[in-house]
Amino acid sequence: MVKRLVTVAATAAAFMVGGPALAADLIIEEAAPVAVTGSSDWYVSLFAGGVWSNFDVNYNGNAPSTIDFDTGYNLGIAVGTHVFDNLRGEIELSGGTSSATDYEYDSGSTGVAEGDLTTVYLLGNLWYELDVGGSVKPYIGGGIGAGFASSEIYYDNDDYGPGGDAVGLAYQIGAGVTFDVAEGVALDVGYRYKSIVGLEFDDLDGSGIYEDGSVHSHVVQAGVKFSF
């Protein structure tokens, strides 16, 4: 009987000594952190598209004209992140070239225009994503920044027309939709209205100035967005 009591007491003592350590081990094991994986909110977007433009200028401040262009192209890259759950902020660098076809003065007279207009945009954009569920995400928004334009356009196969380089205020508004196609990869299809205002060019024959120039472009583009 005494031997049995000693055995029970020893077992109880061992449990009292070892029990808290075992409980601590269980608590530590239960509270062990669980690794969370997934992509961050940063992304890079590459895109290209077609551009339909016109170019308004005033010759010496009193002869407004509009230059039309063939379908041009636009290429670009944007780097951005989610500012909030449904709001993306990004920096965009894009640009392209269009070839002139004709011009028209406000008076109604028209003529042939030849040459190219190259534009470059550096914009800060905000895009608001509409929550519709699933892998399809429509968005709307726009941006503002600086625009560069390089013009070498001749009127009526002659040596006059707006030429040179200029910098102005640039902005865009647009909408589109992204489609998730793989983890961290989405297709992006959208429309942009882009403009550069406040441009000034020399006359290619040196006789005057083309001022108050503004470029207006409709852009349909598609691209790939990589999240990381």
C-alpha atoms as a PDB file:
ATOM      1  CA  MET A   1       0.000   0.000   0.000  1.00  0.00           C
ATOM      2  CA  VAL A   2       2.770   2.397   0.933  1.00  0.00           C
ATOM      3  CA  LYS A   3       4.625   1.445  -2.229  1.00  0.00           C
ATOM      4  CA  ARG A   4       1.518   2.171  -4.341  1.00  0.00           C
ATOM      5  CA  LEU A   5       1.041   5.582  -2.679  1.00  0.00           C
ATOM      6  CA  VAL A   6       4.656   6.439  -3.352  1.00  0.00           C
ATOM      7  CA  THR A   7       4.197   5.494  -7.002  1.00  0.00           C
ATOM      8  CA  VAL A   8       1.043   7.629  -7.344  1.00  0.00           C
ATOM      9  CA  ALA A   9       2.734  10.581  -5.593  1.00  0.00           C
ATOM     10  CA  ALA A  10       5.765  10.325  -7.864  1.00  0.00           C
ATOM     11  CA  THR A  11       3.539  10.235 -10.938  1.00  0.00           C
ATOM     12  CA  ALA A  12       1.588  13.270  -9.733  1.00  0.00           C
ATOM     13  CA  ALA A  13       4.800  15.147  -8.982  1.00  0.00           C
ATOM     14  CA  ALA A  14       6.114  14.365 -12.422  1.00  0.00           C
ATOM     15  CA  PHE A  15       2.889  15.636 -14.009  1.00  0.00           C
ATOM     16  CA  MET A  16       3.000  18.800 -11.886  1.00  0.00           C
ATOM     17  CA  VAL A  17       6.560  19.478 -12.929  1.00  0.00           C
ATOM     18  CA  GLY A  18       6.259  18.406 -16.562  1.00  0.00           C
ATOM     19  CA  GLY A  19       2.668  19.468 -17.136  1.00  0.00           C
ATOM     20  CA  PRO A  20       3.274  23.272 -17.379  1.00  0.00           C
ATOM     21  CA  ALA A  21       6.171  22.704 -19.777  1.00  0.00           C
ATOM     22  CA  LEU A  22       3.999  20.447 -21.923  1.00  0.00           C
ATOM     23  CA  ALA A  23       1.185  22.999 -21.838  1.00  0.00           C
ATOM     24  CA  ALA A  24       3.627  25.762 -22.797  1.00  0.00           C
ATOM     25  CA  ASP A  25       4.838  23.664 -25.705  1.00  0.00           C
ATOM     26  CA  LEU A  26       1.248  23.188 -26.841  1.00  0.00           C
ATOM     27  CA  ILE A  27       0.514  26.925 -26.538  1.00  0.00           C
ATOM     28  CA  ILE A  28       3.674  27.886 -28.436  1.00  0.00           C
ATOM     29  CA  GLU A  29       2.885  25.325 -31.122  1.00  0.00           C
ATOM     30  CA  GLU A  30      -0.689  26.579 -31.377  1.00  0.00           C
ATOM     31  CA  ALA A  31       0.397  30.231 -31.580  1.00  0.00           C
ATOM     32  CA  ALA A  32       3.148  29.630 -34.114  1.00  0.00           C
ATOM     33  CA  PRO A  33       2.813  32.213 -36.925  1.00  0.00           C
ATOM     34  CA  VAL A  34       1.448  31.051 -40.235  1.00  0.00           C
ATOM     35  CA  ALA A  35       3.219  32.352 -43.360  1.00  0.00           C
ATOM     36  CA  VAL A  36       0.987  34.385 -45.675  1.00  0.00           C
ATOM     37  CA  THR A  37       1.801  34.336 -49.365  1.00  0.00           C
ATOM     38  CA  GLY A  38       0.503  36.405 -52.250  1.00  0.00           C
ATOM     39  CA  SER A  39       1.436  39.197 -54.662  1.00  0.00           C
ATOM     40  CA  SER A  40       1.930  42.769 -53.495  1.00  0.00           C
ATOM     41  CA  ASP A  41       0.038  45.810 -54.743  1.00  0.00           C
ATOM     42  CA  TRP A  42       2.815  46.946 -57.123  1.00  0.00           C
ATOM     43  CA  TYR A  43       2.561  46.360 -60.850  1.00  0.00           C
ATOM     44  CA  VAL A  44       4.130  47.137 -64.217  1.00  0.00           C
ATOM     45  CA  SER A  45       1.970  47.591 -67.312  1.00  0.00           C
ATOM     46  CA  LEU A  46       3.153  47.441 -70.944  1.00  0.00           C
ATOM     47  CA  PHE A  47       0.752  48.558 -73.671  1.00  0.00           C
ATOM     48  CA  ALA A  48       0.370  49.538 -77.323  1.00  0.00           C
ATOM     49  CA  GLY A  49      -2.448  50.854 -79.476  1.00  0.00           C
ATOM     50  CA  GLY A  50      -3.754  52.831 -82.410  1.00  0.00           C
ATOM     51  CA  VAL A  51      -4.054  56.639 -82.355  1.00  0.00           C
ATOM     52  CA  TRP A  52      -6.398  58.979 -84.244  1.00  0.00           C
ATOM     53  CA  SER A  53      -5.262  62.598 -83.842  1.00  0.00           C
ATOM     54  CA  ASN A  54      -5.772  66.173 -84.915  1.00  0.00           C
ATOM     55  CA  PHE A  55      -3.558  69.166 -84.270  1.00  0.00           C
ATOM     56  CA  ASP A  56      -4.905  72.712 -83.829  1.00  0.00           C
ATOM     57  CA  VAL A  57      -2.562  75.711 -84.270  1.00  0.00           C
ATOM     58  CA  ASN A  58      -2.806  79.468 -84.898  1.00  0.00           C
ATOM     59  CA  TYR A  59      -0.450  81.036 -87.406  1.00  0.00           C
ATOM     60  CA  ASN A  60       0.797  84.378 -85.994  1.00  0.00           C
ATOM     61  CA  GLY A  61      -2.248  84.396 -83.718  1.00  0.00           C
ATOM     62  CA  ASN A  62      -4.839  85.068 -86.435  1.00  0.00           C
ATOM     63  CA  ALA A  63      -5.052  82.082 -88.820  1.00  0.00           C
ATOM     64  CA  PRO A  64      -6.324  79.014 -86.921  1.00  0.00           C
ATOM     65  CA  SER A  65      -5.967  75.699 -88.713  1.00  0.00           C
ATOM     66  CA  THR A  66      -6.528  72.028 -87.961  1.00  0.00           C
ATOM     67  CA  ILE A  67      -4.203  69.277 -89.194  1.00  0.00           C
ATOM     68  CA  ASP A  68      -5.506  65.720 -89.590  1.00  0.00           C
ATOM     69  CA  PHE A  69      -3.470  62.521 -89.500  1.00  0.00           C
ATOM     70  CA  ASP A  70      -3.504  58.915 -90.613  1.00  0.00           C
ATOM     71  CA  THR A  71      -3.869  56.256 -87.949  1.00  0.00           C
ATOM     72  CA  GLY A  72      -0.762  56.406 -85.780  1.00  0.00           C
ATOM     73  CA  TYR A  73       0.601  54.255 -83.000  1.00  0.00           C
ATOM     74  CA  ASN A  74       1.177  54.607 -79.263  1.00  0.00           C
ATOM     75  CA  LEU A  75       3.533  52.629 -77.006  1.00  0.00           C
ATOM     76  CA  GLY A  76       3.916  52.936 -73.268  1.00  0.00           C
ATOM     77  CA  ILE A  77       4.851  51.645 -69.841  1.00  0.00           C
ATOM     78  CA  ALA A  78       3.299  52.395 -66.451  1.00  0.00           C
ATOM     79  CA  VAL A  79       4.420  51.576 -62.903  1.00  0.00           C
ATOM     80  CA  GLY A  80       1.854  51.752 -60.144  1.00  0.00           C
ATOM     81  CA  THR A  81       0.381  50.504 -56.890  1.00  0.00           C
ATOM     82  CA  HIS A  82      -2.954  50.345 -55.074  1.00  0.00           C
ATOM     83  CA  VAL A  83      -3.435  53.510 -53.021  1.00  0.00           C
ATOM     84  CA  PHE A  84      -6.649  52.046 -51.610  1.00  0.00           C
ATOM     85  CA  ASP A  85      -8.458  48.762 -52.306  1.00  0.00           C
ATOM     86  CA  ASN A  86     -10.158  50.063 -55.461  1.00  0.00           C
ATOM     87  CA  LEU A  87      -7.875  52.981 -56.359  1.00  0.00           C
ATOM     88  CA  ARG A  88      -4.630  52.628 -58.316  1.00  0.00           C
ATOM     89  CA  GLY A  89      -2.009  55.341 -58.700  1.00  0.00           C
ATOM     90  CA  GLU A  90       0.674  55.120 -61.378  1.00  0.00           C
ATOM     91  CA  ILE A  91       3.317  56.942 -63.400  1.00  0.00           C
ATOM     92  CA  GLU A  92       3.005  56.531 -67.168  1.00  0.00           C
ATOM     93  CA  LEU A  93       5.517  57.165 -69.940  1.00  0.00           C
ATOM     94  CA  SER A  94       4.044  56.788 -73.424  1.00  0.00           C
ATOM     95  CA  GLY A  95       4.384  58.166 -76.920  1.00  0.00           C
ATOM     96  CA  GLY A  96       4.012  57.619 -80.623  1.00  0.00           C
ATOM     97  CA  THR A  97       4.004  59.111 -84.104  1.00  0.00           C
ATOM     98  CA  SER A  98       1.311  60.074 -86.636  1.00  0.00           C
ATOM     99  CA  SER A  99       1.637  61.148 -90.282  1.00  0.00           C
ATOM    100  CA  ALA A 100      -0.198  64.270 -91.510  1.00  0.00           C
ATOM    101  CA  THR A 101      -2.684  64.028 -94.383  1.00  0.00           C
ATOM    102  CA  ASP A 102      -4.380  67.440 -94.791  1.00  0.00           C
ATOM    103  CA  TYR A 103      -5.157  70.734 -93.100  1.00  0.00           C
ATOM    104  CA  GLU A 104      -8.098  73.114 -92.954  1.00  0.00           C
ATOM    105  CA  TYR A 105      -8.248  76.796 -92.011  1.00  0.00           C
ATOM    106  CA  ASP A 106     -11.211  78.148 -90.049  1.00  0.00           C
ATOM    107  CA  SER A 107     -12.114  80.076 -93.188  1.00  0.00           C
ATOM    108  CA  GLY A 108     -12.863  76.739 -94.858  1.00  0.00           C
ATOM    109  CA  SER A 109      -9.913  76.538 -97.239  1.00  0.00           C
ATOM    110  CA  THR A 110      -8.099  73.209 -97.243  1.00  0.00           C
ATOM    111  CA  GLY A 111      -4.836  71.787 -98.472  1.00  0.00           C
ATOM    112  CA  VAL A 112      -2.422  68.877 -98.356  1.00  0.00           C
ATOM    113  CA  ALA A 113      -0.257  68.351 -95.280  1.00  0.00           C
ATOM    114  CA  GLU A 114       2.824  66.123 -95.165  1.00  0.00           C
ATOM    115  CA  GLY A 115       5.214  65.153 -92.400  1.00  0.00           C
ATOM    116  CA  ASP A 116       5.052  63.661 -88.922  1.00  0.00           C
ATOM    117  CA  LEU A 117       4.039  64.630 -85.408  1.00  0.00           C
ATOM    118  CA  THR A 118       5.654  62.777 -82.497  1.00  0.00           C
ATOM    119  CA  THR A 119       4.224  63.051 -78.994  1.00  0.00           C
ATOM    120  CA  VAL A 120       5.529  61.871 -75.606  1.00  0.00           C
ATOM    121  CA  TYR A 121       3.502  61.886 -72.374  1.00  0.00           C
ATOM    122  CA  LEU A 122       4.715  61.752 -68.758  1.00  0.00           C
ATOM    123  CA  LEU A 123       1.588  61.444 -66.629  1.00  0.00           C
ATOM    124  CA  GLY A 124       0.497  60.731 -63.083  1.00  0.00           C
ATOM    125  CA  ASN A 125      -2.692  58.661 -63.289  1.00  0.00           C
ATOM    126  CA  LEU A 126      -5.445  57.550 -60.918  1.00  0.00           C
ATOM    127  CA  TRP A 127      -7.686  54.629 -61.907  1.00  0.00           C
ATOM    128  CA  TYR A 128     -10.769  53.598 -59.924  1.00  0.00           C
ATOM    129  CA  GLU A 129     -11.633  49.910 -60.218  1.00  0.00           C
ATOM    130  CA  LEU A 130     -15.307  48.935 -60.143  1.00  0.00           C
ATOM    131  CA  ASP A 131     -15.991  45.971 -57.858  1.00  0.00           C
ATOM    132  CA  VAL A 132     -18.011  43.519 -59.951  1.00  0.00           C
ATOM    133  CA  GLY A 133     -16.498  40.336 -58.515  1.00  0.00           C
ATOM    134  CA  GLY A 134     -14.451  37.666 -60.219  1.00  0.00           C
ATOM    135  CA  SER A 135     -11.392  38.164 -62.392  1.00  0.00           C
ATOM    136  CA  VAL A 136     -12.875  40.971 -64.542  1.00  0.00           C
ATOM    137  CA  LYS A 137     -12.192  44.516 -63.262  1.00  0.00           C
ATOM    138  CA  PRO A 138     -13.591  47.549 -65.139  1.00  0.00           C
ATOM    139  CA  TYR A 139     -11.930  50.888 -64.336  1.00  0.00           C
ATOM    140  CA  ILE A 140     -12.227  54.597 -65.062  1.00  0.00           C
ATOM    141  CA  GLY A 141      -9.957  57.560 -64.399  1.00  0.00           C
ATOM    142  CA  GLY A 142      -7.354  59.839 -65.873  1.00  0.00           C
ATOM    143  CA  GLY A 143      -4.116  61.670 -65.349  1.00  0.00           C
ATOM    144  CA  ILE A 144      -2.188  64.905 -65.727  1.00  0.00           C
ATOM    145  CA  GLY A 145       1.428  65.804 -66.392  1.00  0.00           C
ATOM    146  CA  ALA A 146       3.751  67.070 -69.130  1.00  0.00           C
ATOM    147  CA  GLY A 147       3.688  66.475 -72.866  1.00  0.00           C
ATOM    148  CA  PHE A 148       6.424  66.814 -75.493  1.00  0.00           C
ATOM    149  CA  ALA A 149       5.660  67.297 -79.193  1.00  0.00           C
ATOM    150  CA  SER A 150       7.993  67.306 -82.182  1.00  0.00           C
ATOM    151  CA  SER A 151       6.529  68.570 -85.461  1.00  0.00           C
ATOM    152  CA  GLU A 152       7.817  68.664 -89.023  1.00  0.00           C
ATOM    153  CA  ILE A 153       4.692  69.254 -91.089  1.00  0.00           C
ATOM    154  CA  TYR A 154       4.621  70.983 -94.474  1.00  0.00           C
ATOM    155  CA  TYR A 155       1.588  72.622 -96.067  1.00  0.00           C
ATOM    156  CA  ASP A 156       0.850  72.161 -99.782  1.00  0.00           C
ATOM    157  CA  ASN A 157       4.172  70.434-100.516  1.00  0.00           C
ATOM    158  CA  ASP A 158       5.888  73.721 -99.746  1.00  0.00           C
ATOM    159  CA  ASP A 159       8.520  74.782 -97.229  1.00  0.00           C
ATOM    160  CA  TYR A 160       6.176  76.309 -94.654  1.00  0.00           C
ATOM    161  CA  GLY A 161       4.279  74.755 -91.740  1.00  0.00           C
ATOM    162  CA  PRO A 162       4.730  74.127 -87.994  1.00  0.00           C
ATOM    163  CA  GLY A 163       8.139  72.731 -87.099  1.00  0.00           C
ATOM    164  CA  GLY A 164      10.355  72.185 -84.089  1.00  0.00           C
ATOM    165  CA  ASP A 165       9.941  70.907 -80.532  1.00  0.00           C
ATOM    166  CA  ALA A 166       7.595  72.102 -77.806  1.00  0.00           C
ATOM    167  CA  VAL A 167       6.491  71.192 -74.282  1.00  0.00           C
ATOM    168  CA  GLY A 168       3.007  71.735 -72.857  1.00  0.00           C
ATOM    169  CA  LEU A 169       0.488  70.631 -70.267  1.00  0.00           C
ATOM    170  CA  ALA A 170      -0.766  67.103 -70.907  1.00  0.00           C
ATOM    171  CA  TYR A 171      -3.752  65.178 -69.596  1.00  0.00           C
ATOM    172  CA  GLN A 172      -5.855  62.133 -70.335  1.00  0.00           C
ATOM    173  CA  ILE A 173      -9.160  60.544 -69.366  1.00  0.00           C
ATOM    174  CA  GLY A 174     -10.108  56.976 -70.072  1.00  0.00           C
ATOM    175  CA  ALA A 175     -11.699  53.683 -69.154  1.00  0.00           C
ATOM    176  CA  GLY A 176     -10.957  50.020 -69.625  1.00  0.00           C
ATOM    177  CA  VAL A 177     -11.140  46.542 -68.193  1.00  0.00           C
ATOM    178  CA  THR A 178      -8.545  44.071 -66.929  1.00  0.00           C
ATOM    179  CA  PHE A 179      -8.863  40.277 -67.166  1.00  0.00           C
ATOM    180  CA  ASP A 180      -6.831  38.058 -64.829  1.00  0.00           C
ATOM    181  CA  VAL A 181      -5.297  35.274 -66.917  1.00  0.00           C
ATOM    182  CA  ALA A 182      -2.752  33.861 -64.439  1.00  0.00           C
ATOM    183  CA  GLU A 183      -1.416  34.572 -60.979  1.00  0.00           C
ATOM    184  CA  GLY A 184      -0.011  38.110 -61.130  1.00  0.00           C
ATOM    185  CA  VAL A 185      -0.784  38.531 -64.856  1.00  0.00           C
ATOM    186  CA  ALA A 186      -3.749  40.377 -66.390  1.00  0.00           C
ATOM    187  CA  LEU A 187      -4.729  41.617 -69.831  1.00  0.00           C
ATOM    188  CA  ASP A 188      -5.728  45.307 -70.030  1.00  0.00           C
ATOM    189  CA  VAL A 189      -7.904  46.707 -72.832  1.00  0.00           C
ATOM    190  CA  GLY A 190      -8.963  50.353 -72.807  1.00  0.00           C
ATOM    191  CA  TYR A 191      -9.676  53.716 -74.395  1.00  0.00           C
ATOM    192  CA  ARG A 192      -7.844  56.985 -73.713  1.00  0.00           C
ATOM    193  CA  TYR A 193      -8.477  60.563 -74.766  1.00  0.00           C
ATOM    194  CA  LYS A 194      -5.089  62.295 -74.613  1.00  0.00           C
ATOM    195  CA  SER A 195      -4.242  65.956 -75.149  1.00  0.00           C
ATOM    196  CA  ILE A 196      -1.279  68.337 -75.003  1.00  0.00           C
ATOM    197  CA  VAL A 197      -2.046  72.073 -74.848  1.00  0.00           C
ATOM    198  CA  GLY A 198      -0.002  75.275 -74.891  1.00  0.00           C
ATOM    199  CA  LEU A 199       2.376  74.283 -77.700  1.00  0.00           C
ATOM    200  CA  GLU A 200       4.326  76.755 -79.829  1.00  0.00           C
ATOM    201  CA  PHE A 201       6.276  76.027 -83.025  1.00  0.00           C
ATOM    202  CA  ASP A 202       8.268  78.023 -85.542  1.00  0.00           C
ATOM    203  CA  ASP A 203       7.244  78.242 -89.163  1.00  0.00           C
ATOM    204  CA  LEU A 204       9.554  75.963 -91.125  1.00  0.00           C
ATOM    205  CA  ASP A 205      10.335  78.814 -93.543  1.00  0.00           C
ATOM    206  CA  GLY A 206      11.176  81.147 -90.639  1.00  0.00           C
ATOM    207  CA  SER A 207       8.451  83.694 -91.431  1.00  0.00           C
ATOM    208  CA  GLY A 208       6.251  83.356 -88.372  1.00  0.00           C
ATOM    209  CA  ILE A 209       5.093  81.393 -85.328  1.00  0.00           C
ATOM    210  CA  TYR A 210       2.477  78.700 -84.878  1.00  0.00           C
ATOM    211  CA  GLU A 211       1.101  79.242 -81.380  1.00  0.00           C
ATOM    212  CA  ASP A 212      -1.673  78.018 -79.056  1.00  0.00           C
ATOM    213  CA  GLY A 213      -1.070  74.565 -80.443  1.00  0.00           C
ATOM    214  CA  SER A 214      -3.000  71.608 -79.028  1.00  0.00           C
ATOM    215  CA  VAL A 215      -2.909  67.909 -79.882  1.00  0.00           C
ATOM    216  CA  HIS A 216      -6.065  65.825 -79.383  1.00  0.00           C
ATOM    217  CA  SER A 217      -5.840  62.040 -79.669  1.00  0.00           C
ATOM    218  CA  HIS A 218      -8.208  59.104 -79.372  1.00  0.00           C
ATOM    219  CA  VAL A 219      -6.303  55.972 -78.378  1.00  0.00           C
ATOM    220  CA  VAL A 220      -7.499  52.354 -78.335  1.00  0.00           C
ATOM    221  CA  GLN A 221      -4.906  50.208 -76.587  1.00  0.00           C
ATOM    222  CA  ALA A 222      -4.215  46.754 -75.196  1.00  0.00           C
ATOM    223  CA  GLY A 223      -1.523  45.593 -72.840  1.00  0.00           C
ATOM    224  CA  VAL A 224      -0.300  43.224 -70.151  1.00  0.00           C
ATOM    225  CA  LYS A 225      -0.208  44.060 -66.438  1.00  0.00           C
ATOM    226  CA  PHE A 226       2.301  42.220 -64.205  1.00  0.00           C
ATOM    227  CA  SER A 227       1.743  42.348 -60.425  1.00  0.00           C
ATOM    228  CA  PHE A 228       4.566  41.513 -58.034  1.00  0.00           C
END
